[in-house]
Amino acid sequence: TVWHAALLILVLAHVLVVLGVAMLAGQL
């Protein structure tokens, strides 16, 4: 369904935010 497809994308995006911030600080 549209809702469950959205949930999969949002969970992945949320995890990538956490990892992205760690990677951004790791660049410095």
mmCIF file of all heavy atoms, coordinates in Angstrom:
data_MODEL
# 
_entry.id   MODEL 
# 
loop_
_atom_site.group_PDB 
_atom_site.id 
_atom_site.type_symbol 
_atom_site.label_atom_id 
_atom_site.label_alt_id 
_atom_site.label_comp_id 
_atom_site.label_asym_id 
_atom_site.label_entity_id 
_atom_site.label_seq_id 
_atom_site.pdbx_PDB_ins_code 
_atom_site.Cartn_x 
_atom_site.Cartn_y 
_atom_site.Cartn_z 
_atom_site.occupancy 
_atom_site.B_iso_or_equiv 
_atom_site.pdbx_formal_charge 
_atom_site.auth_seq_id 
_atom_site.auth_comp_id 
_atom_site.auth_asym_id 
_atom_site.auth_atom_id 
_atom_site.pdbx_PDB_model_num 
ATOM 1   N N   . THR A 1 1  ? 0.845  -1.192 0.000  1.00 0.00 ? 1  THR A N   1 
ATOM 2   C CA  . THR A 1 1  ? 0.000  0.000  0.000  1.00 0.00 ? 1  THR A CA  1 
ATOM 3   C C   . THR A 1 1  ? 0.881  1.244  0.000  1.00 0.00 ? 1  THR A C   1 
ATOM 4   O O   . THR A 1 1  ? 2.075  1.181  0.328  1.00 0.00 ? 1  THR A O   1 
ATOM 5   C CB  . THR A 1 1  ? -0.906 0.028  1.239  1.00 0.00 ? 1  THR A CB  1 
ATOM 6   O OG1 . THR A 1 1  ? -0.082 0.163  2.416  1.00 0.00 ? 1  THR A OG1 1 
ATOM 7   C CG2 . THR A 1 1  ? -1.725 -1.249 1.353  1.00 0.00 ? 1  THR A CG2 1 
ATOM 8   N N   . VAL A 1 2  ? 0.286  2.359  -0.352 1.00 0.00 ? 2  VAL A N   1 
ATOM 9   C CA  . VAL A 1 2  ? 1.039  3.613  -0.350 1.00 0.00 ? 2  VAL A CA  1 
ATOM 10  C C   . VAL A 1 2  ? 1.592  3.896  1.041  1.00 0.00 ? 2  VAL A C   1 
ATOM 11  O O   . VAL A 1 2  ? 2.752  4.316  1.190  1.00 0.00 ? 2  VAL A O   1 
ATOM 12  C CB  . VAL A 1 2  ? 0.138  4.773  -0.827 1.00 0.00 ? 2  VAL A CB  1 
ATOM 13  C CG1 . VAL A 1 2  ? 0.785  6.119  -0.555 1.00 0.00 ? 2  VAL A CG1 1 
ATOM 14  C CG2 . VAL A 1 2  ? -0.165 4.631  -2.314 1.00 0.00 ? 2  VAL A CG2 1 
ATOM 15  N N   . TRP A 1 3  ? 0.809  3.634  2.077  1.00 0.00 ? 3  TRP A N   1 
ATOM 16  C CA  . TRP A 1 3  ? 1.260  3.937  3.427  1.00 0.00 ? 3  TRP A CA  1 
ATOM 17  C C   . TRP A 1 3  ? 2.438  3.056  3.835  1.00 0.00 ? 3  TRP A C   1 
ATOM 18  O O   . TRP A 1 3  ? 3.412  3.542  4.408  1.00 0.00 ? 3  TRP A O   1 
ATOM 19  C CB  . TRP A 1 3  ? 0.106  3.794  4.416  1.00 0.00 ? 3  TRP A CB  1 
ATOM 20  C CG  . TRP A 1 3  ? 0.511  4.116  5.814  1.00 0.00 ? 3  TRP A CG  1 
ATOM 21  C CD1 . TRP A 1 3  ? 0.690  3.259  6.846  1.00 0.00 ? 3  TRP A CD1 1 
ATOM 22  C CD2 . TRP A 1 3  ? 0.843  5.416  6.320  1.00 0.00 ? 3  TRP A CD2 1 
ATOM 23  N NE1 . TRP A 1 3  ? 1.090  3.917  7.972  1.00 0.00 ? 3  TRP A NE1 1 
ATOM 24  C CE2 . TRP A 1 3  ? 1.189  5.253  7.677  1.00 0.00 ? 3  TRP A CE2 1 
ATOM 25  C CE3 . TRP A 1 3  ? 0.863  6.698  5.773  1.00 0.00 ? 3  TRP A CE3 1 
ATOM 26  C CZ2 . TRP A 1 3  ? 1.562  6.330  8.488  1.00 0.00 ? 3  TRP A CZ2 1 
ATOM 27  C CZ3 . TRP A 1 3  ? 1.235  7.755  6.569  1.00 0.00 ? 3  TRP A CZ3 1 
ATOM 28  C CH2 . TRP A 1 3  ? 1.583  7.574  7.907  1.00 0.00 ? 3  TRP A CH2 1 
ATOM 29  N N   . HIS A 1 4  ? 2.358  1.757  3.552  1.00 0.00 ? 4  HIS A N   1 
ATOM 30  C CA  . HIS A 1 4  ? 3.448  0.871  3.963  1.00 0.00 ? 4  HIS A CA  1 
ATOM 31  C C   . HIS A 1 4  ? 4.713  1.113  3.126  1.00 0.00 ? 4  HIS A C   1 
ATOM 32  O O   . HIS A 1 4  ? 5.827  0.985  3.644  1.00 0.00 ? 4  HIS A O   1 
ATOM 33  C CB  . HIS A 1 4  ? 3.008  -0.589 3.862  1.00 0.00 ? 4  HIS A CB  1 
ATOM 34  C CG  . HIS A 1 4  ? 1.996  -0.965 4.910  1.00 0.00 ? 4  HIS A CG  1 
ATOM 35  N ND1 . HIS A 1 4  ? 0.709  -1.329 4.594  1.00 0.00 ? 4  HIS A ND1 1 
ATOM 36  C CD2 . HIS A 1 4  ? 2.086  -1.010 6.257  1.00 0.00 ? 4  HIS A CD2 1 
ATOM 37  C CE1 . HIS A 1 4  ? 0.052  -1.598 5.706  1.00 0.00 ? 4  HIS A CE1 1 
ATOM 38  N NE2 . HIS A 1 4  ? 0.853  -1.408 6.734  1.00 0.00 ? 4  HIS A NE2 1 
ATOM 39  N N   . ALA A 1 5  ? 4.550  1.457  1.870  1.00 0.00 ? 5  ALA A N   1 
ATOM 40  C CA  . ALA A 1 5  ? 5.722  1.830  1.070  1.00 0.00 ? 5  ALA A CA  1 
ATOM 41  C C   . ALA A 1 5  ? 6.373  3.087  1.640  1.00 0.00 ? 5  ALA A C   1 
ATOM 42  O O   . ALA A 1 5  ? 7.605  3.182  1.728  1.00 0.00 ? 5  ALA A O   1 
ATOM 43  C CB  . ALA A 1 5  ? 5.309  2.060  -0.381 1.00 0.00 ? 5  ALA A CB  1 
ATOM 44  N N   . ALA A 1 6  ? 5.550  4.038  2.070  1.00 0.00 ? 6  ALA A N   1 
ATOM 45  C CA  . ALA A 1 6  ? 6.084  5.255  2.670  1.00 0.00 ? 6  ALA A CA  1 
ATOM 46  C C   . ALA A 1 6  ? 6.829  4.954  3.965  1.00 0.00 ? 6  ALA A C   1 
ATOM 47  O O   . ALA A 1 6  ? 7.892  5.529  4.226  1.00 0.00 ? 6  ALA A O   1 
ATOM 48  C CB  . ALA A 1 6  ? 4.949  6.244  2.935  1.00 0.00 ? 6  ALA A CB  1 
ATOM 49  N N   . LEU A 1 7  ? 6.299  4.041  4.782  1.00 0.00 ? 7  LEU A N   1 
ATOM 50  C CA  . LEU A 1 7  ? 6.964  3.699  6.039  1.00 0.00 ? 7  LEU A CA  1 
ATOM 51  C C   . LEU A 1 7  ? 8.358  3.131  5.795  1.00 0.00 ? 7  LEU A C   1 
ATOM 52  O O   . LEU A 1 7  ? 9.314  3.468  6.503  1.00 0.00 ? 7  LEU A O   1 
ATOM 53  C CB  . LEU A 1 7  ? 6.122  2.700  6.832  1.00 0.00 ? 7  LEU A CB  1 
ATOM 54  C CG  . LEU A 1 7  ? 4.876  3.251  7.528  1.00 0.00 ? 7  LEU A CG  1 
ATOM 55  C CD1 . LEU A 1 7  ? 4.145  2.141  8.258  1.00 0.00 ? 7  LEU A CD1 1 
ATOM 56  C CD2 . LEU A 1 7  ? 5.242  4.369  8.496  1.00 0.00 ? 7  LEU A CD2 1 
ATOM 57  N N   . LEU A 1 8  ? 8.494  2.258  4.807  1.00 0.00 ? 8  LEU A N   1 
ATOM 58  C CA  . LEU A 1 8  ? 9.816  1.692  4.500  1.00 0.00 ? 8  LEU A CA  1 
ATOM 59  C C   . LEU A 1 8  ? 10.800 2.794  4.112  1.00 0.00 ? 8  LEU A C   1 
ATOM 60  O O   . LEU A 1 8  ? 11.955 2.811  4.573  1.00 0.00 ? 8  LEU A O   1 
ATOM 61  C CB  . LEU A 1 8  ? 9.698  0.677  3.369  1.00 0.00 ? 8  LEU A CB  1 
ATOM 62  C CG  . LEU A 1 8  ? 9.138  -0.704 3.730  1.00 0.00 ? 8  LEU A CG  1 
ATOM 63  C CD1 . LEU A 1 8  ? 9.058  -1.577 2.483  1.00 0.00 ? 8  LEU A CD1 1 
ATOM 64  C CD2 . LEU A 1 8  ? 10.010 -1.383 4.787  1.00 0.00 ? 8  LEU A CD2 1 
ATOM 65  N N   . ILE A 1 9  ? 10.365 3.696  3.278  1.00 0.00 ? 9  ILE A N   1 
ATOM 66  C CA  . ILE A 1 9  ? 11.240 4.790  2.839  1.00 0.00 ? 9  ILE A CA  1 
ATOM 67  C C   . ILE A 1 9  ? 11.599 5.694  4.008  1.00 0.00 ? 9  ILE A C   1 
ATOM 68  O O   . ILE A 1 9  ? 12.761 6.113  4.162  1.00 0.00 ? 9  ILE A O   1 
ATOM 69  C CB  . ILE A 1 9  ? 10.557 5.583  1.717  1.00 0.00 ? 9  ILE A CB  1 
ATOM 70  C CG1 . ILE A 1 9  ? 10.436 4.709  0.461  1.00 0.00 ? 9  ILE A CG1 1 
ATOM 71  C CG2 . ILE A 1 9  ? 11.307 6.872  1.410  1.00 0.00 ? 9  ILE A CG2 1 
ATOM 72  C CD1 . ILE A 1 9  ? 9.563  5.299  -0.621 1.00 0.00 ? 9  ILE A CD1 1 
ATOM 73  N N   . LEU A 1 10 ? 10.645 5.984  4.861  1.00 0.00 ? 10 LEU A N   1 
ATOM 74  C CA  . LEU A 1 10 ? 10.885 6.903  5.976  1.00 0.00 ? 10 LEU A CA  1 
ATOM 75  C C   . LEU A 1 10 ? 11.812 6.305  7.023  1.00 0.00 ? 10 LEU A C   1 
ATOM 76  O O   . LEU A 1 10 ? 12.662 7.006  7.584  1.00 0.00 ? 10 LEU A O   1 
ATOM 77  C CB  . LEU A 1 10 ? 9.557  7.306  6.605  1.00 0.00 ? 10 LEU A CB  1 
ATOM 78  C CG  . LEU A 1 10 ? 8.637  8.149  5.716  1.00 0.00 ? 10 LEU A CG  1 
ATOM 79  C CD1 . LEU A 1 10 ? 7.274  8.326  6.368  1.00 0.00 ? 10 LEU A CD1 1 
ATOM 80  C CD2 . LEU A 1 10 ? 9.258  9.503  5.419  1.00 0.00 ? 10 LEU A CD2 1 
ATOM 81  N N   . VAL A 1 11 ? 11.662 5.008  7.313  1.00 0.00 ? 11 VAL A N   1 
ATOM 82  C CA  . VAL A 1 11 ? 12.565 4.366  8.270  1.00 0.00 ? 11 VAL A CA  1 
ATOM 83  C C   . VAL A 1 11 ? 13.994 4.387  7.730  1.00 0.00 ? 11 VAL A C   1 
ATOM 84  O O   . VAL A 1 11 ? 14.949 4.700  8.455  1.00 0.00 ? 11 VAL A O   1 
ATOM 85  C CB  . VAL A 1 11 ? 12.109 2.924  8.561  1.00 0.00 ? 11 VAL A CB  1 
ATOM 86  C CG1 . VAL A 1 11 ? 13.165 2.181  9.381  1.00 0.00 ? 11 VAL A CG1 1 
ATOM 87  C CG2 . VAL A 1 11 ? 10.784 2.922  9.312  1.00 0.00 ? 11 VAL A CG2 1 
ATOM 88  N N   . LEU A 1 12 ? 14.155 4.053  6.452  1.00 0.00 ? 12 LEU A N   1 
ATOM 89  C CA  . LEU A 1 12 ? 15.484 4.092  5.843  1.00 0.00 ? 12 LEU A CA  1 
ATOM 90  C C   . LEU A 1 12 ? 16.059 5.501  5.875  1.00 0.00 ? 12 LEU A C   1 
ATOM 91  O O   . LEU A 1 12 ? 17.238 5.697  6.211  1.00 0.00 ? 12 LEU A O   1 
ATOM 92  C CB  . LEU A 1 12 ? 15.404 3.582  4.400  1.00 0.00 ? 12 LEU A CB  1 
ATOM 93  C CG  . LEU A 1 12 ? 16.713 3.605  3.602  1.00 0.00 ? 12 LEU A CG  1 
ATOM 94  C CD1 . LEU A 1 12 ? 17.764 2.728  4.264  1.00 0.00 ? 12 LEU A CD1 1 
ATOM 95  C CD2 . LEU A 1 12 ? 16.471 3.153  2.162  1.00 0.00 ? 12 LEU A CD2 1 
ATOM 96  N N   . ALA A 1 13 ? 15.243 6.498  5.547  1.00 0.00 ? 13 ALA A N   1 
ATOM 97  C CA  . ALA A 1 13 ? 15.722 7.887  5.554  1.00 0.00 ? 13 ALA A CA  1 
ATOM 98  C C   . ALA A 1 13 ? 16.126 8.311  6.965  1.00 0.00 ? 13 ALA A C   1 
ATOM 99  O O   . ALA A 1 13 ? 17.123 9.012  7.147  1.00 0.00 ? 13 ALA A O   1 
ATOM 100 C CB  . ALA A 1 13 ? 14.635 8.812  5.007  1.00 0.00 ? 13 ALA A CB  1 
ATOM 101 N N   . HIS A 1 14 ? 15.373 7.859  7.964  1.00 0.00 ? 14 HIS A N   1 
ATOM 102 C CA  . HIS A 1 14 ? 15.675 8.234  9.348  1.00 0.00 ? 14 HIS A CA  1 
ATOM 103 C C   . HIS A 1 14 ? 17.015 7.648  9.796  1.00 0.00 ? 14 HIS A C   1 
ATOM 104 O O   . HIS A 1 14 ? 17.827 8.332  10.426 1.00 0.00 ? 14 HIS A O   1 
ATOM 105 C CB  . HIS A 1 14 ? 14.548 7.734  10.253 1.00 0.00 ? 14 HIS A CB  1 
ATOM 106 C CG  . HIS A 1 14 ? 14.593 8.265  11.642 1.00 0.00 ? 14 HIS A CG  1 
ATOM 107 N ND1 . HIS A 1 14 ? 14.406 9.591  11.946 1.00 0.00 ? 14 HIS A ND1 1 
ATOM 108 C CD2 . HIS A 1 14 ? 14.816 7.641  12.832 1.00 0.00 ? 14 HIS A CD2 1 
ATOM 109 C CE1 . HIS A 1 14 ? 14.491 9.763  13.246 1.00 0.00 ? 14 HIS A CE1 1 
ATOM 110 N NE2 . HIS A 1 14 ? 14.753 8.603  13.816 1.00 0.00 ? 14 HIS A NE2 1 
ATOM 111 N N   . VAL A 1 15 ? 17.238 6.398  9.459  1.00 0.00 ? 15 VAL A N   1 
ATOM 112 C CA  . VAL A 1 15 ? 18.523 5.770  9.803  1.00 0.00 ? 15 VAL A CA  1 
ATOM 113 C C   . VAL A 1 15 ? 19.668 6.461  9.070  1.00 0.00 ? 15 VAL A C   1 
ATOM 114 O O   . VAL A 1 15 ? 20.745 6.684  9.635  1.00 0.00 ? 15 VAL A O   1 
ATOM 115 C CB  . VAL A 1 15 ? 18.480 4.260  9.483  1.00 0.00 ? 15 VAL A CB  1 
ATOM 116 C CG1 . VAL A 1 15 ? 19.855 3.631  9.665  1.00 0.00 ? 15 VAL A CG1 1 
ATOM 117 C CG2 . VAL A 1 15 ? 17.463 3.559  10.382 1.00 0.00 ? 15 VAL A CG2 1 
ATOM 118 N N   . LEU A 1 16 ? 19.450 6.812  7.802  1.00 0.00 ? 16 LEU A N   1 
ATOM 119 C CA  . LEU A 1 16 ? 20.497 7.489  7.038  1.00 0.00 ? 16 LEU A CA  1 
ATOM 120 C C   . LEU A 1 16 ? 20.802 8.878  7.589  1.00 0.00 ? 16 LEU A C   1 
ATOM 121 O O   . LEU A 1 16 ? 21.929 9.368  7.442  1.00 0.00 ? 16 LEU A O   1 
ATOM 122 C CB  . LEU A 1 16 ? 20.089 7.579  5.562  1.00 0.00 ? 16 LEU A CB  1 
ATOM 123 C CG  . LEU A 1 16 ? 20.120 6.259  4.786  1.00 0.00 ? 16 LEU A CG  1 
ATOM 124 C CD1 . LEU A 1 16 ? 19.613 6.468  3.364  1.00 0.00 ? 16 LEU A CD1 1 
ATOM 125 C CD2 . LEU A 1 16 ? 21.531 5.676  4.772  1.00 0.00 ? 16 LEU A CD2 1 
ATOM 126 N N   . VAL A 1 17 ? 19.833 9.524  8.227  1.00 0.00 ? 17 VAL A N   1 
ATOM 127 C CA  . VAL A 1 17 ? 20.109 10.807 8.888  1.00 0.00 ? 17 VAL A CA  1 
ATOM 128 C C   . VAL A 1 17 ? 21.106 10.601 10.021 1.00 0.00 ? 17 VAL A C   1 
ATOM 129 O O   . VAL A 1 17 ? 22.090 11.344 10.158 1.00 0.00 ? 17 VAL A O   1 
ATOM 130 C CB  . VAL A 1 17 ? 18.805 11.435 9.414  1.00 0.00 ? 17 VAL A CB  1 
ATOM 131 C CG1 . VAL A 1 17 ? 19.100 12.553 10.408 1.00 0.00 ? 17 VAL A CG1 1 
ATOM 132 C CG2 . VAL A 1 17 ? 17.977 11.991 8.265  1.00 0.00 ? 17 VAL A CG2 1 
ATOM 133 N N   . VAL A 1 18 ? 20.871 9.572  10.848 1.00 0.00 ? 18 VAL A N   1 
ATOM 134 C CA  . VAL A 1 18 ? 21.779 9.294  11.969 1.00 0.00 ? 18 VAL A CA  1 
ATOM 135 C C   . VAL A 1 18 ? 23.185 8.996  11.454 1.00 0.00 ? 18 VAL A C   1 
ATOM 136 O O   . VAL A 1 18 ? 24.181 9.559  11.933 1.00 0.00 ? 18 VAL A O   1 
ATOM 137 C CB  . VAL A 1 18 ? 21.240 8.119  12.808 1.00 0.00 ? 18 VAL A CB  1 
ATOM 138 C CG1 . VAL A 1 18 ? 22.225 7.740  13.904 1.00 0.00 ? 18 VAL A CG1 1 
ATOM 139 C CG2 . VAL A 1 18 ? 19.891 8.479  13.418 1.00 0.00 ? 18 VAL A CG2 1 
ATOM 140 N N   . LEU A 1 19 ? 23.276 8.111  10.476 1.00 0.00 ? 19 LEU A N   1 
ATOM 141 C CA  . LEU A 1 19 ? 24.586 7.752  9.939  1.00 0.00 ? 19 LEU A CA  1 
ATOM 142 C C   . LEU A 1 19 ? 25.228 8.928  9.208  1.00 0.00 ? 19 LEU A C   1 
ATOM 143 O O   . LEU A 1 19 ? 26.454 9.103  9.249  1.00 0.00 ? 19 LEU A O   1 
ATOM 144 C CB  . LEU A 1 19 ? 24.445 6.558  8.996  1.00 0.00 ? 19 LEU A CB  1 
ATOM 145 C CG  . LEU A 1 19 ? 23.904 5.262  9.616  1.00 0.00 ? 19 LEU A CG  1 
ATOM 146 C CD1 . LEU A 1 19 ? 23.832 4.166  8.564  1.00 0.00 ? 19 LEU A CD1 1 
ATOM 147 C CD2 . LEU A 1 19 ? 24.755 4.825  10.798 1.00 0.00 ? 19 LEU A CD2 1 
ATOM 148 N N   . GLY A 1 20 ? 24.415 9.737  8.545  1.00 0.00 ? 20 GLY A N   1 
ATOM 149 C CA  . GLY A 1 20 ? 24.960 10.873 7.805  1.00 0.00 ? 20 GLY A CA  1 
ATOM 150 C C   . GLY A 1 20 ? 25.578 11.908 8.723  1.00 0.00 ? 20 GLY A C   1 
ATOM 151 O O   . GLY A 1 20 ? 26.639 12.469 8.407  1.00 0.00 ? 20 GLY A O   1 
ATOM 152 N N   . VAL A 1 21 ? 24.940 12.184 9.861  1.00 0.00 ? 21 VAL A N   1 
ATOM 153 C CA  . VAL A 1 21 ? 25.508 13.143 10.802 1.00 0.00 ? 21 VAL A CA  1 
ATOM 154 C C   . VAL A 1 21 ? 26.836 12.625 11.342 1.00 0.00 ? 21 VAL A C   1 
ATOM 155 O O   . VAL A 1 21 ? 27.818 13.372 11.471 1.00 0.00 ? 21 VAL A O   1 
ATOM 156 C CB  . VAL A 1 21 ? 24.522 13.429 11.947 1.00 0.00 ? 21 VAL A CB  1 
ATOM 157 C CG1 . VAL A 1 21 ? 25.164 14.331 12.996 1.00 0.00 ? 21 VAL A CG1 1 
ATOM 158 C CG2 . VAL A 1 21 ? 23.252 14.077 11.412 1.00 0.00 ? 21 VAL A CG2 1 
ATOM 159 N N   . ALA A 1 22 ? 26.873 11.329 11.666 1.00 0.00 ? 22 ALA A N   1 
ATOM 160 C CA  . ALA A 1 22 ? 28.130 10.739 12.145 1.00 0.00 ? 22 ALA A CA  1 
ATOM 161 C C   . ALA A 1 22 ? 29.217 10.832 11.077 1.00 0.00 ? 22 ALA A C   1 
ATOM 162 O O   . ALA A 1 22 ? 30.380 11.149 11.375 1.00 0.00 ? 22 ALA A O   1 
ATOM 163 C CB  . ALA A 1 22 ? 27.899 9.289  12.553 1.00 0.00 ? 22 ALA A CB  1 
ATOM 164 N N   . MET A 1 23 ? 28.872 10.580 9.835  1.00 0.00 ? 23 MET A N   1 
ATOM 165 C CA  . MET A 1 23 ? 29.839 10.658 8.752  1.00 0.00 ? 23 MET A CA  1 
ATOM 166 C C   . MET A 1 23 ? 30.290 12.095 8.518  1.00 0.00 ? 23 MET A C   1 
ATOM 167 O O   . MET A 1 23 ? 31.475 12.360 8.257  1.00 0.00 ? 23 MET A O   1 
ATOM 168 C CB  . MET A 1 23 ? 29.231 10.091 7.472  1.00 0.00 ? 23 MET A CB  1 
ATOM 169 C CG  . MET A 1 23 ? 30.168 10.092 6.273  1.00 0.00 ? 23 MET A CG  1 
ATOM 170 S SD  . MET A 1 23 ? 31.577 8.976  6.480  1.00 0.00 ? 23 MET A SD  1 
ATOM 171 C CE  . MET A 1 23 ? 30.753 7.395  6.320  1.00 0.00 ? 23 MET A CE  1 
ATOM 172 N N   . LEU A 1 24 ? 29.366 13.048 8.644  1.00 0.00 ? 24 LEU A N   1 
ATOM 173 C CA  . LEU A 1 24 ? 29.717 14.457 8.440  1.00 0.00 ? 24 LEU A CA  1 
ATOM 174 C C   . LEU A 1 24 ? 30.732 14.911 9.471  1.00 0.00 ? 24 LEU A C   1 
ATOM 175 O O   . LEU A 1 24 ? 31.743 15.550 9.132  1.00 0.00 ? 24 LEU A O   1 
ATOM 176 C CB  . LEU A 1 24 ? 28.451 15.310 8.515  1.00 0.00 ? 24 LEU A CB  1 
ATOM 177 C CG  . LEU A 1 24 ? 28.623 16.812 8.275  1.00 0.00 ? 24 LEU A CG  1 
ATOM 178 C CD1 . LEU A 1 24 ? 29.122 17.079 6.864  1.00 0.00 ? 24 LEU A CD1 1 
ATOM 179 C CD2 . LEU A 1 24 ? 27.300 17.537 8.524  1.00 0.00 ? 24 LEU A CD2 1 
ATOM 180 N N   . ALA A 1 25 ? 30.477 14.593 10.734 1.00 0.00 ? 25 ALA A N   1 
ATOM 181 C CA  . ALA A 1 25 ? 31.444 14.956 11.772 1.00 0.00 ? 25 ALA A CA  1 
ATOM 182 C C   . ALA A 1 25 ? 32.746 14.197 11.598 1.00 0.00 ? 25 ALA A C   1 
ATOM 183 O O   . ALA A 1 25 ? 33.830 14.717 11.889 1.00 0.00 ? 25 ALA A O   1 
ATOM 184 C CB  . ALA A 1 25 ? 30.846 14.682 13.160 1.00 0.00 ? 25 ALA A CB  1 
ATOM 185 N N   . GLY A 1 26 ? 32.659 12.957 11.108 1.00 0.00 ? 26 GLY A N   1 
ATOM 186 C CA  . GLY A 1 26 ? 33.861 12.163 10.867 1.00 0.00 ? 26 GLY A CA  1 
ATOM 187 C C   . GLY A 1 26 ? 34.741 12.729 9.781  1.00 0.00 ? 26 GLY A C   1 
ATOM 188 O O   . GLY A 1 26 ? 35.944 12.408 9.722  1.00 0.00 ? 26 GLY A O   1 
ATOM 189 N N   . GLN A 1 27 ? 34.174 13.580 8.892  1.00 0.00 ? 27 GLN A N   1 
ATOM 190 C CA  . GLN A 1 27 ? 34.988 14.232 7.871  1.00 0.00 ? 27 GLN A CA  1 
ATOM 191 C C   . GLN A 1 27 ? 35.948 15.260 8.478  1.00 0.00 ? 27 GLN A C   1 
ATOM 192 O O   . GLN A 1 27 ? 36.946 15.621 7.859  1.00 0.00 ? 27 GLN A O   1 
ATOM 193 C CB  . GLN A 1 27 ? 34.081 14.941 6.858  1.00 0.00 ? 27 GLN A CB  1 
ATOM 194 C CG  . GLN A 1 27 ? 33.164 14.040 6.070  1.00 0.00 ? 27 GLN A CG  1 
ATOM 195 C CD  . GLN A 1 27 ? 33.919 13.128 5.135  1.00 0.00 ? 27 GLN A CD  1 
ATOM 196 O OE1 . GLN A 1 27 ? 34.628 13.591 4.253  1.00 0.00 ? 27 GLN A OE1 1 
ATOM 197 N NE2 . GLN A 1 27 ? 33.778 11.839 5.338  1.00 0.00 ? 27 GLN A NE2 1 
ATOM 198 N N   . LEU A 1 28 ? 35.611 15.722 9.684  1.00 0.00 ? 28 LEU A N   1 
ATOM 199 C CA  . LEU A 1 28 ? 36.399 16.789 10.295 1.00 0.00 ? 28 LEU A CA  1 
ATOM 200 C C   . LEU A 1 28 ? 37.324 16.288 11.394 1.00 0.00 ? 28 LEU A C   1 
ATOM 201 O O   . LEU A 1 28 ? 38.391 16.860 11.604 1.00 0.00 ? 28 LEU A O   1 
ATOM 202 C CB  . LEU A 1 28 ? 35.454 17.850 10.874 1.00 0.00 ? 28 LEU A CB  1 
ATOM 203 C CG  . LEU A 1 28 ? 34.449 18.468 9.882  1.00 0.00 ? 28 LEU A CG  1 
ATOM 204 C CD1 . LEU A 1 28 ? 33.568 19.470 10.596 1.00 0.00 ? 28 LEU A CD1 1 
ATOM 205 C CD2 . LEU A 1 28 ? 35.170 19.122 8.723  1.00 0.00 ? 28 LEU A CD2 1 
# 
